[in-house]
Amino acid sequence: MPHIKPAVGQVTTPSQIKVLPTYNTGDYGKDIPLHFTMVGATEQAITFSTSALTRSLDESGQPLDHLPHVYSDVDDGLLLHEGNNTAYDTTFTFNSDMPATIYKTSFAICAGLNVSARTSGTWNLGSMTITVTEEGSTTRTIYTNTFASTAGDRTSTGTDLHWYVVDVVQPYEVFPNQPIKIRIQLNVTSGSGTRQEGIVTVAPFVKTAVMKSFAESCVVFHAHASIAHADDVFRFNMKRVDQLG
């Protein structure tokens, strides 16, 4: 056997064992959740139990998704926005470190509208436009769509929250040094007064102040690394198989 040290004078026989690393396609598909959060945004304190809370449906049913979540009975939250009476329009960037194919892109985003002062008119959370682009030598649009909320009209001060939960089953490739940009825009109807519109980065699906599940506002990429990525891993400083003995 090759692991047994030969006695003095004996000839070492090369091992007849052949080893070939394999890359099982069933092992490398992975859900990658990326949290939507903002540094430097203006913060507006909100109370979940007194907010109006709605959620997108999927084929008229409650959507099931693999989302990062925690459990808590906390009732206070933060609405991140870009200033009073300012439309929310923010772009997030993802840089892949390897070639990969994204088979499904899932969005779970809690959008919020807070009316802190009202003079007249009606407010509505309206809709959200999501645009996904790839930045290379040119800008390539991968996906864009506008999704309506089911939030009701507001004619008083208060807070409306809506969970946009969307699955985009549209495969596309990502590459190093070609960042993916995700632009999120809110299209809010505004009356006369002072409003704040933006996203709540961690929010519940149930507003009552009891123990409940909180999810992150996030995008989840279902990614499969390119087979070419495994090439460098398995061939690093490795002799050809026919030279292994």
C-alpha atoms as a PDB file:
ATOM      1  CA  MET A   1       0.000   0.000   0.000  1.00  0.00           C
ATOM      2  CA  PRO A   2       1.306   3.483  -0.777  1.00  0.00           C
ATOM      3  CA  HIS A   3       0.904   4.699   2.829  1.00  0.00           C
ATOM      4  CA  ILE A   4       3.150   1.903   4.198  1.00  0.00           C
ATOM      5  CA  LYS A   5       6.824   2.748   4.344  1.00  0.00           C
ATOM      6  CA  PRO A   6       8.784   0.087   2.371  1.00  0.00           C
ATOM      7  CA  ALA A   7      11.516  -1.895   4.067  1.00  0.00           C
ATOM      8  CA  VAL A   8      15.108  -1.255   3.198  1.00  0.00           C
ATOM      9  CA  GLY A   9      15.846  -2.652  -0.261  1.00  0.00           C
ATOM     10  CA  GLN A  10      12.216  -2.939  -1.287  1.00  0.00           C
ATOM     11  CA  VAL A  11      10.957  -1.120  -4.379  1.00  0.00           C
ATOM     12  CA  THR A  12       8.174   1.409  -3.869  1.00  0.00           C
ATOM     13  CA  THR A  13       5.238   0.582  -6.099  1.00  0.00           C
ATOM     14  CA  PRO A  14       3.201   3.602  -7.262  1.00  0.00           C
ATOM     15  CA  SER A  15      -0.381   3.655  -6.024  1.00  0.00           C
ATOM     16  CA  GLN A  16      -2.979   2.410  -8.468  1.00  0.00           C
ATOM     17  CA  ILE A  17      -5.604   4.630  -6.822  1.00  0.00           C
ATOM     18  CA  LYS A  18      -6.836   7.356  -9.125  1.00  0.00           C
ATOM     19  CA  VAL A  19      -8.382  10.506  -7.631  1.00  0.00           C
ATOM     20  CA  LEU A  20     -10.463  12.929  -9.662  1.00  0.00           C
ATOM     21  CA  PRO A  21     -12.265  15.767  -7.869  1.00  0.00           C
ATOM     22  CA  THR A  22     -15.839  16.220  -8.995  1.00  0.00           C
ATOM     23  CA  TYR A  23     -18.193  19.204  -8.896  1.00  0.00           C
ATOM     24  CA  ASN A  24     -21.693  17.982  -8.172  1.00  0.00           C
ATOM     25  CA  THR A  25     -24.252  20.408  -9.600  1.00  0.00           C
ATOM     26  CA  GLY A  26     -26.552  19.539  -6.724  1.00  0.00           C
ATOM     27  CA  ASP A  27     -24.110  21.024  -4.206  1.00  0.00           C
ATOM     28  CA  TYR A  28     -23.626  24.551  -5.399  1.00  0.00           C
ATOM     29  CA  GLY A  29     -27.107  26.112  -5.686  1.00  0.00           C
ATOM     30  CA  LYS A  30     -27.564  28.572  -2.833  1.00  0.00           C
ATOM     31  CA  ASP A  31     -29.998  31.250  -1.672  1.00  0.00           C
ATOM     32  CA  ILE A  32     -28.090  34.462  -0.962  1.00  0.00           C
ATOM     33  CA  PRO A  33     -30.111  37.008   1.078  1.00  0.00           C
ATOM     34  CA  LEU A  34     -28.837  40.601   0.910  1.00  0.00           C
ATOM     35  CA  HIS A  35     -30.272  43.111   3.373  1.00  0.00           C
ATOM     36  CA  PHE A  36     -31.548  46.445   2.058  1.00  0.00           C
ATOM     37  CA  THR A  37     -30.324  49.078   4.481  1.00  0.00           C
ATOM     38  CA  MET A  38     -29.113  52.653   4.159  1.00  0.00           C
ATOM     39  CA  VAL A  39     -26.299  54.580   5.817  1.00  0.00           C
ATOM     40  CA  GLY A  40     -26.962  58.286   6.233  1.00  0.00           C
ATOM     41  CA  ALA A  41     -30.717  58.117   5.673  1.00  0.00           C
ATOM     42  CA  THR A  42     -33.133  60.222   7.692  1.00  0.00           C
ATOM     43  CA  GLU A  43     -34.876  58.196  10.390  1.00  0.00           C
ATOM     44  CA  GLN A  44     -38.550  58.427  11.283  1.00  0.00           C
ATOM     45  CA  ALA A  45     -39.757  56.557  14.359  1.00  0.00           C
ATOM     46  CA  ILE A  46     -42.923  54.496  13.788  1.00  0.00           C
ATOM     47  CA  THR A  47     -45.096  52.195  15.881  1.00  0.00           C
ATOM     48  CA  PHE A  48     -46.057  48.904  14.269  1.00  0.00           C
ATOM     49  CA  SER A  49     -49.253  48.272  16.271  1.00  0.00           C
ATOM     50  CA  THR A  50     -50.816  51.604  15.241  1.00  0.00           C
ATOM     51  CA  SER A  51     -49.776  51.357  11.569  1.00  0.00           C
ATOM     52  CA  ALA A  52     -51.934  50.110   8.704  1.00  0.00           C
ATOM     53  CA  LEU A  53     -50.168  46.982   7.409  1.00  0.00           C
ATOM     54  CA  THR A  54     -50.767  45.222   4.076  1.00  0.00           C
ATOM     55  CA  ARG A  55     -48.902  42.634   1.997  1.00  0.00           C
ATOM     56  CA  SER A  56     -48.627  41.533  -1.630  1.00  0.00           C
ATOM     57  CA  LEU A  57     -50.301  38.253  -2.568  1.00  0.00           C
ATOM     58  CA  ASP A  58     -48.979  35.561  -4.895  1.00  0.00           C
ATOM     59  CA  GLU A  59     -51.642  34.126  -7.231  1.00  0.00           C
ATOM     60  CA  SER A  60     -54.237  35.275  -4.671  1.00  0.00           C
ATOM     61  CA  GLY A  61     -52.440  33.346  -1.912  1.00  0.00           C
ATOM     62  CA  GLN A  62     -50.019  34.171   0.871  1.00  0.00           C
ATOM     63  CA  PRO A  63     -46.465  33.975  -0.529  1.00  0.00           C
ATOM     64  CA  LEU A  64     -44.018  31.507   1.001  1.00  0.00           C
ATOM     65  CA  ASP A  65     -40.385  32.574   0.913  1.00  0.00           C
ATOM     66  CA  HIS A  66     -37.107  31.683   2.574  1.00  0.00           C
ATOM     67  CA  LEU A  67     -36.390  35.014   4.279  1.00  0.00           C
ATOM     68  CA  PRO A  68     -34.006  35.941   7.108  1.00  0.00           C
ATOM     69  CA  HIS A  69     -36.110  36.534  10.211  1.00  0.00           C
ATOM     70  CA  VAL A  70     -36.073  36.863  13.987  1.00  0.00           C
ATOM     71  CA  TYR A  71     -38.759  36.746  16.690  1.00  0.00           C
ATOM     72  CA  SER A  72     -39.544  39.664  18.983  1.00  0.00           C
ATOM     73  CA  ASP A  73     -42.384  41.520  20.692  1.00  0.00           C
ATOM     74  CA  VAL A  74     -40.837  44.947  20.029  1.00  0.00           C
ATOM     75  CA  ASP A  75     -43.347  47.533  18.793  1.00  0.00           C
ATOM     76  CA  ASP A  76     -41.028  50.333  17.677  1.00  0.00           C
ATOM     77  CA  GLY A  77     -39.502  50.630  14.219  1.00  0.00           C
ATOM     78  CA  LEU A  78     -37.670  53.020  11.919  1.00  0.00           C
ATOM     79  CA  LEU A  79     -38.713  54.300   8.529  1.00  0.00           C
ATOM     80  CA  LEU A  80     -35.615  55.268   6.524  1.00  0.00           C
ATOM     81  CA  HIS A  81     -36.313  58.082   4.074  1.00  0.00           C
ATOM     82  CA  GLU A  82     -34.579  60.807   2.078  1.00  0.00           C
ATOM     83  CA  GLY A  83     -36.180  63.860   3.677  1.00  0.00           C
ATOM     84  CA  ASN A  84     -39.624  65.306   4.255  1.00  0.00           C
ATOM     85  CA  ASN A  85     -41.833  65.371   1.148  1.00  0.00           C
ATOM     86  CA  THR A  86     -39.050  63.754  -0.907  1.00  0.00           C
ATOM     87  CA  ALA A  87     -39.695  60.850  -3.262  1.00  0.00           C
ATOM     88  CA  TYR A  88     -37.817  57.686  -2.307  1.00  0.00           C
ATOM     89  CA  ASP A  89     -35.369  56.697  -5.048  1.00  0.00           C
ATOM     90  CA  THR A  90     -32.360  54.633  -3.958  1.00  0.00           C
ATOM     91  CA  THR A  91     -29.949  52.306  -5.766  1.00  0.00           C
ATOM     92  CA  PHE A  92     -28.224  49.334  -4.136  1.00  0.00           C
ATOM     93  CA  THR A  93     -25.150  47.590  -5.598  1.00  0.00           C
ATOM     94  CA  PHE A  94     -24.109  43.926  -5.579  1.00  0.00           C
ATOM     95  CA  ASN A  95     -20.655  42.813  -6.777  1.00  0.00           C
ATOM     96  CA  SER A  96     -20.229  39.107  -7.497  1.00  0.00           C
ATOM     97  CA  ASP A  97     -16.807  37.551  -6.867  1.00  0.00           C
ATOM     98  CA  MET A  98     -17.391  34.772  -9.423  1.00  0.00           C
ATOM     99  CA  PRO A  99     -19.340  34.011 -12.583  1.00  0.00           C
ATOM    100  CA  ALA A 100     -22.760  32.669 -11.629  1.00  0.00           C
ATOM    101  CA  THR A 101     -26.276  32.215 -12.908  1.00  0.00           C
ATOM    102  CA  ILE A 102     -29.136  33.718 -10.914  1.00  0.00           C
ATOM    103  CA  TYR A 103     -32.170  31.516 -11.483  1.00  0.00           C
ATOM    104  CA  LYS A 104     -34.593  33.364  -9.222  1.00  0.00           C
ATOM    105  CA  THR A 105     -34.541  36.850  -7.706  1.00  0.00           C
ATOM    106  CA  SER A 106     -36.901  37.342  -4.768  1.00  0.00           C
ATOM    107  CA  PHE A 107     -37.718  40.751  -3.345  1.00  0.00           C
ATOM    108  CA  ALA A 108     -39.233  41.276   0.102  1.00  0.00           C
ATOM    109  CA  ILE A 109     -39.380  44.998   0.823  1.00  0.00           C
ATOM    110  CA  CYS A 110     -41.401  46.740   3.515  1.00  0.00           C
ATOM    111  CA  ALA A 111     -42.242  50.201   2.170  1.00  0.00           C
ATOM    112  CA  GLY A 112     -43.633  52.878   4.425  1.00  0.00           C
ATOM    113  CA  LEU A 113     -45.518  56.169   4.212  1.00  0.00           C
ATOM    114  CA  ASN A 114     -45.790  58.321   7.319  1.00  0.00           C
ATOM    115  CA  VAL A 115     -47.952  61.456   7.374  1.00  0.00           C
ATOM    116  CA  SER A 116     -46.710  63.585  10.253  1.00  0.00           C
ATOM    117  CA  ALA A 117     -48.756  66.708   9.470  1.00  0.00           C
ATOM    118  CA  ARG A 118     -51.893  67.037   7.352  1.00  0.00           C
ATOM    119  CA  THR A 119     -53.541  70.144   5.952  1.00  0.00           C
ATOM    120  CA  SER A 120     -55.792  68.662   3.272  1.00  0.00           C
ATOM    121  CA  GLY A 121     -56.004  65.999   0.593  1.00  0.00           C
ATOM    122  CA  THR A 122     -55.373  62.261   0.398  1.00  0.00           C
ATOM    123  CA  TRP A 123     -52.195  60.182   0.631  1.00  0.00           C
ATOM    124  CA  ASN A 124     -51.622  56.696  -0.730  1.00  0.00           C
ATOM    125  CA  LEU A 125     -48.532  54.478  -0.677  1.00  0.00           C
ATOM    126  CA  GLY A 126     -49.174  53.829  -4.356  1.00  0.00           C
ATOM    127  CA  SER A 127     -46.651  51.554  -6.024  1.00  0.00           C
ATOM    128  CA  MET A 128     -43.000  50.541  -6.193  1.00  0.00           C
ATOM    129  CA  THR A 129     -40.800  50.364  -9.296  1.00  0.00           C
ATOM    130  CA  ILE A 130     -37.870  47.932  -9.210  1.00  0.00           C
ATOM    131  CA  THR A 131     -35.181  48.101 -11.891  1.00  0.00           C
ATOM    132  CA  VAL A 132     -32.260  45.652 -12.048  1.00  0.00           C
ATOM    133  CA  THR A 133     -29.319  46.502 -14.322  1.00  0.00           C
ATOM    134  CA  GLU A 134     -25.827  45.202 -15.012  1.00  0.00           C
ATOM    135  CA  GLU A 135     -23.019  47.734 -15.262  1.00  0.00           C
ATOM    136  CA  GLY A 136     -20.335  46.652 -17.728  1.00  0.00           C
ATOM    137  CA  SER A 137     -18.990  48.406 -20.802  1.00  0.00           C
ATOM    138  CA  THR A 138     -22.647  49.342 -21.283  1.00  0.00           C
ATOM    139  CA  THR A 139     -25.662  49.308 -18.980  1.00  0.00           C
ATOM    140  CA  ARG A 140     -27.885  46.272 -19.531  1.00  0.00           C
ATOM    141  CA  THR A 141     -31.402  46.224 -18.131  1.00  0.00           C
ATOM    142  CA  ILE A 142     -32.106  42.801 -16.660  1.00  0.00           C
ATOM    143  CA  TYR A 143     -35.539  43.445 -15.222  1.00  0.00           C
ATOM    144  CA  THR A 144     -37.931  46.305 -14.508  1.00  0.00           C
ATOM    145  CA  ASN A 145     -41.504  46.344 -13.284  1.00  0.00           C
ATOM    146  CA  THR A 146     -43.923  48.386 -11.184  1.00  0.00           C
ATOM    147  CA  PHE A 147     -45.949  46.751  -8.410  1.00  0.00           C
ATOM    148  CA  ALA A 148     -49.057  48.271  -6.876  1.00  0.00           C
ATOM    149  CA  SER A 149     -49.591  48.185  -3.128  1.00  0.00           C
ATOM    150  CA  THR A 150     -52.933  47.365  -1.559  1.00  0.00           C
ATOM    151  CA  ALA A 151     -52.639  50.187   0.977  1.00  0.00           C
ATOM    152  CA  GLY A 152     -55.761  52.247   1.454  1.00  0.00           C
ATOM    153  CA  ASP A 153     -56.096  56.007   1.124  1.00  0.00           C
ATOM    154  CA  ARG A 154     -55.054  58.070   4.121  1.00  0.00           C
ATOM    155  CA  THR A 155     -56.828  61.303   5.098  1.00  0.00           C
ATOM    156  CA  SER A 156     -55.225  61.752   8.518  1.00  0.00           C
ATOM    157  CA  THR A 157     -51.814  61.593  10.147  1.00  0.00           C
ATOM    158  CA  GLY A 158     -50.417  58.088  10.668  1.00  0.00           C
ATOM    159  CA  THR A 159     -48.362  55.341   9.064  1.00  0.00           C
ATOM    160  CA  ASP A 160     -49.022  52.911   6.217  1.00  0.00           C
ATOM    161  CA  LEU A 161     -46.757  49.906   5.656  1.00  0.00           C
ATOM    162  CA  HIS A 162     -46.840  47.500   2.739  1.00  0.00           C
ATOM    163  CA  TRP A 163     -44.741  44.376   2.190  1.00  0.00           C
ATOM    164  CA  TYR A 164     -43.851  44.022  -1.496  1.00  0.00           C
ATOM    165  CA  VAL A 165     -43.091  40.304  -1.922  1.00  0.00           C
ATOM    166  CA  VAL A 166     -42.129  39.456  -5.505  1.00  0.00           C
ATOM    167  CA  ASP A 167     -40.465  36.423  -7.136  1.00  0.00           C
ATOM    168  CA  VAL A 168     -38.768  37.011 -10.479  1.00  0.00           C
ATOM    169  CA  VAL A 169     -38.052  33.659 -12.161  1.00  0.00           C
ATOM    170  CA  GLN A 170     -35.880  34.969 -14.956  1.00  0.00           C
ATOM    171  CA  PRO A 171     -32.357  33.489 -15.225  1.00  0.00           C
ATOM    172  CA  TYR A 172     -29.421  35.810 -15.906  1.00  0.00           C
ATOM    173  CA  GLU A 173     -25.666  35.684 -15.457  1.00  0.00           C
ATOM    174  CA  VAL A 174     -23.471  37.784 -13.201  1.00  0.00           C
ATOM    175  CA  PHE A 175     -19.719  38.335 -13.522  1.00  0.00           C
ATOM    176  CA  PRO A 176     -16.894  39.855 -11.458  1.00  0.00           C
ATOM    177  CA  ASN A 177     -16.331  43.561 -12.081  1.00  0.00           C
ATOM    178  CA  GLN A 178     -19.799  43.915 -13.606  1.00  0.00           C
ATOM    179  CA  PRO A 179     -21.898  45.083 -10.643  1.00  0.00           C
ATOM    180  CA  ILE A 180     -25.627  44.507 -10.401  1.00  0.00           C
ATOM    181  CA  LYS A 181     -27.598  47.654  -9.570  1.00  0.00           C
ATOM    182  CA  ILE A 182     -31.029  47.463  -7.923  1.00  0.00           C
ATOM    183  CA  ARG A 183     -32.988  50.719  -8.071  1.00  0.00           C
ATOM    184  CA  ILE A 184     -36.041  51.062  -5.839  1.00  0.00           C
ATOM    185  CA  GLN A 185     -38.495  53.902  -6.432  1.00  0.00           C
ATOM    186  CA  LEU A 186     -41.708  54.660  -4.564  1.00  0.00           C
ATOM    187  CA  ASN A 187     -44.593  56.271  -6.416  1.00  0.00           C
ATOM    188  CA  VAL A 188     -46.651  57.918  -3.687  1.00  0.00           C
ATOM    189  CA  THR A 189     -49.806  60.027  -3.972  1.00  0.00           C
ATOM    190  CA  SER A 190     -49.517  63.028  -1.677  1.00  0.00           C
ATOM    191  CA  GLY A 191     -51.929  65.541  -0.193  1.00  0.00           C
ATOM    192  CA  SER A 192     -51.024  68.853   1.433  1.00  0.00           C
ATOM    193  CA  GLY A 193     -48.914  68.440   4.534  1.00  0.00           C
ATOM    194  CA  THR A 194     -45.707  66.695   5.593  1.00  0.00           C
ATOM    195  CA  ARG A 195     -44.878  63.108   4.680  1.00  0.00           C
ATOM    196  CA  GLN A 196     -41.961  60.700   4.925  1.00  0.00           C
ATOM    197  CA  GLU A 197     -41.709  57.794   2.476  1.00  0.00           C
ATOM    198  CA  GLY A 198     -39.081  55.055   2.383  1.00  0.00           C
ATOM    199  CA  ILE A 199     -38.346  51.528   3.574  1.00  0.00           C
ATOM    200  CA  VAL A 200     -38.434  49.760   6.916  1.00  0.00           C
ATOM    201  CA  THR A 201     -35.386  47.514   6.972  1.00  0.00           C
ATOM    202  CA  VAL A 202     -36.750  45.095   9.610  1.00  0.00           C
ATOM    203  CA  ALA A 203     -40.504  44.745  10.028  1.00  0.00           C
ATOM    204  CA  PRO A 204     -43.199  42.209  11.015  1.00  0.00           C
ATOM    205  CA  PHE A 205     -46.013  40.708   8.955  1.00  0.00           C
ATOM    206  CA  VAL A 206     -48.350  41.008  11.958  1.00  0.00           C
ATOM    207  CA  LYS A 207     -48.665  44.401  13.618  1.00  0.00           C
ATOM    208  CA  THR A 208     -50.068  43.459  17.055  1.00  0.00           C
ATOM    209  CA  ALA A 209     -47.563  44.063  19.860  1.00  0.00           C
ATOM    210  CA  VAL A 210     -47.005  40.385  20.737  1.00  0.00           C
ATOM    211  CA  MET A 211     -44.240  37.876  20.020  1.00  0.00           C
ATOM    212  CA  LYS A 212     -44.056  37.587  16.232  1.00  0.00           C
ATOM    213  CA  SER A 213     -41.734  37.064  13.283  1.00  0.00           C
ATOM    214  CA  PHE A 214     -39.759  39.998  11.889  1.00  0.00           C
ATOM    215  CA  ALA A 215     -38.241  39.763   8.410  1.00  0.00           C
ATOM    216  CA  GLU A 216     -35.564  41.806   6.687  1.00  0.00           C
ATOM    217  CA  SER A 217     -36.278  43.978   3.687  1.00  0.00           C
ATOM    218  CA  CYS A 218     -34.005  42.164   1.291  1.00  0.00           C
ATOM    219  CA  VAL A 219     -33.301  40.635  -2.068  1.00  0.00           C
ATOM    220  CA  VAL A 220     -32.605  36.896  -2.254  1.00  0.00           C
ATOM    221  CA  PHE A 221     -30.591  35.572  -5.193  1.00  0.00           C
ATOM    222  CA  HIS A 222     -30.895  31.857  -5.918  1.00  0.00           C
ATOM    223  CA  ALA A 223     -27.422  31.488  -7.420  1.00  0.00           C
ATOM    224  CA  HIS A 224     -25.564  28.630  -9.095  1.00  0.00           C
ATOM    225  CA  ALA A 225     -21.843  29.219  -9.449  1.00  0.00           C
ATOM    226  CA  SER A 226     -20.448  28.700 -12.924  1.00  0.00           C
ATOM    227  CA  ILE A 227     -18.640  25.406 -13.546  1.00  0.00           C
ATOM    228  CA  ALA A 228     -15.735  27.549 -14.757  1.00  0.00           C
ATOM    229  CA  HIS A 229     -15.350  28.790 -11.184  1.00  0.00           C
ATOM    230  CA  ALA A 230     -14.602  25.239 -10.004  1.00  0.00           C
ATOM    231  CA  ASP A 231     -11.884  24.872 -12.605  1.00  0.00           C
ATOM    232  CA  ASP A 232      -9.489  27.149 -10.753  1.00  0.00           C
ATOM    233  CA  VAL A 233     -10.286  25.498  -7.429  1.00  0.00           C
ATOM    234  CA  PHE A 234      -9.682  21.925  -8.548  1.00  0.00           C
ATOM    235  CA  ARG A 235      -6.749  22.602 -10.883  1.00  0.00           C
ATOM    236  CA  PHE A 236      -4.767  24.783  -8.491  1.00  0.00           C
ATOM    237  CA  ASN A 237      -1.237  23.327  -8.240  1.00  0.00           C
ATOM    238  CA  MET A 238      -2.520  19.905  -9.330  1.00  0.00           C
ATOM    239  CA  LYS A 239      -0.901  17.451 -11.718  1.00  0.00           C
ATOM    240  CA  ARG A 240      -2.861  15.773 -14.433  1.00  0.00           C
ATOM    241  CA  VAL A 241      -4.721  12.644 -13.362  1.00  0.00           C
ATOM    242  CA  ASP A 242      -2.544  10.405 -15.527  1.00  0.00           C
ATOM    243  CA  GLN A 243       0.521  11.632 -13.607  1.00  0.00           C
ATOM    244  CA  LEU A 244      -0.799  10.674 -10.172  1.00  0.00           C
ATOM    245  CA  GLY A 245       0.639   7.159 -10.252  1.00  0.00           C
END
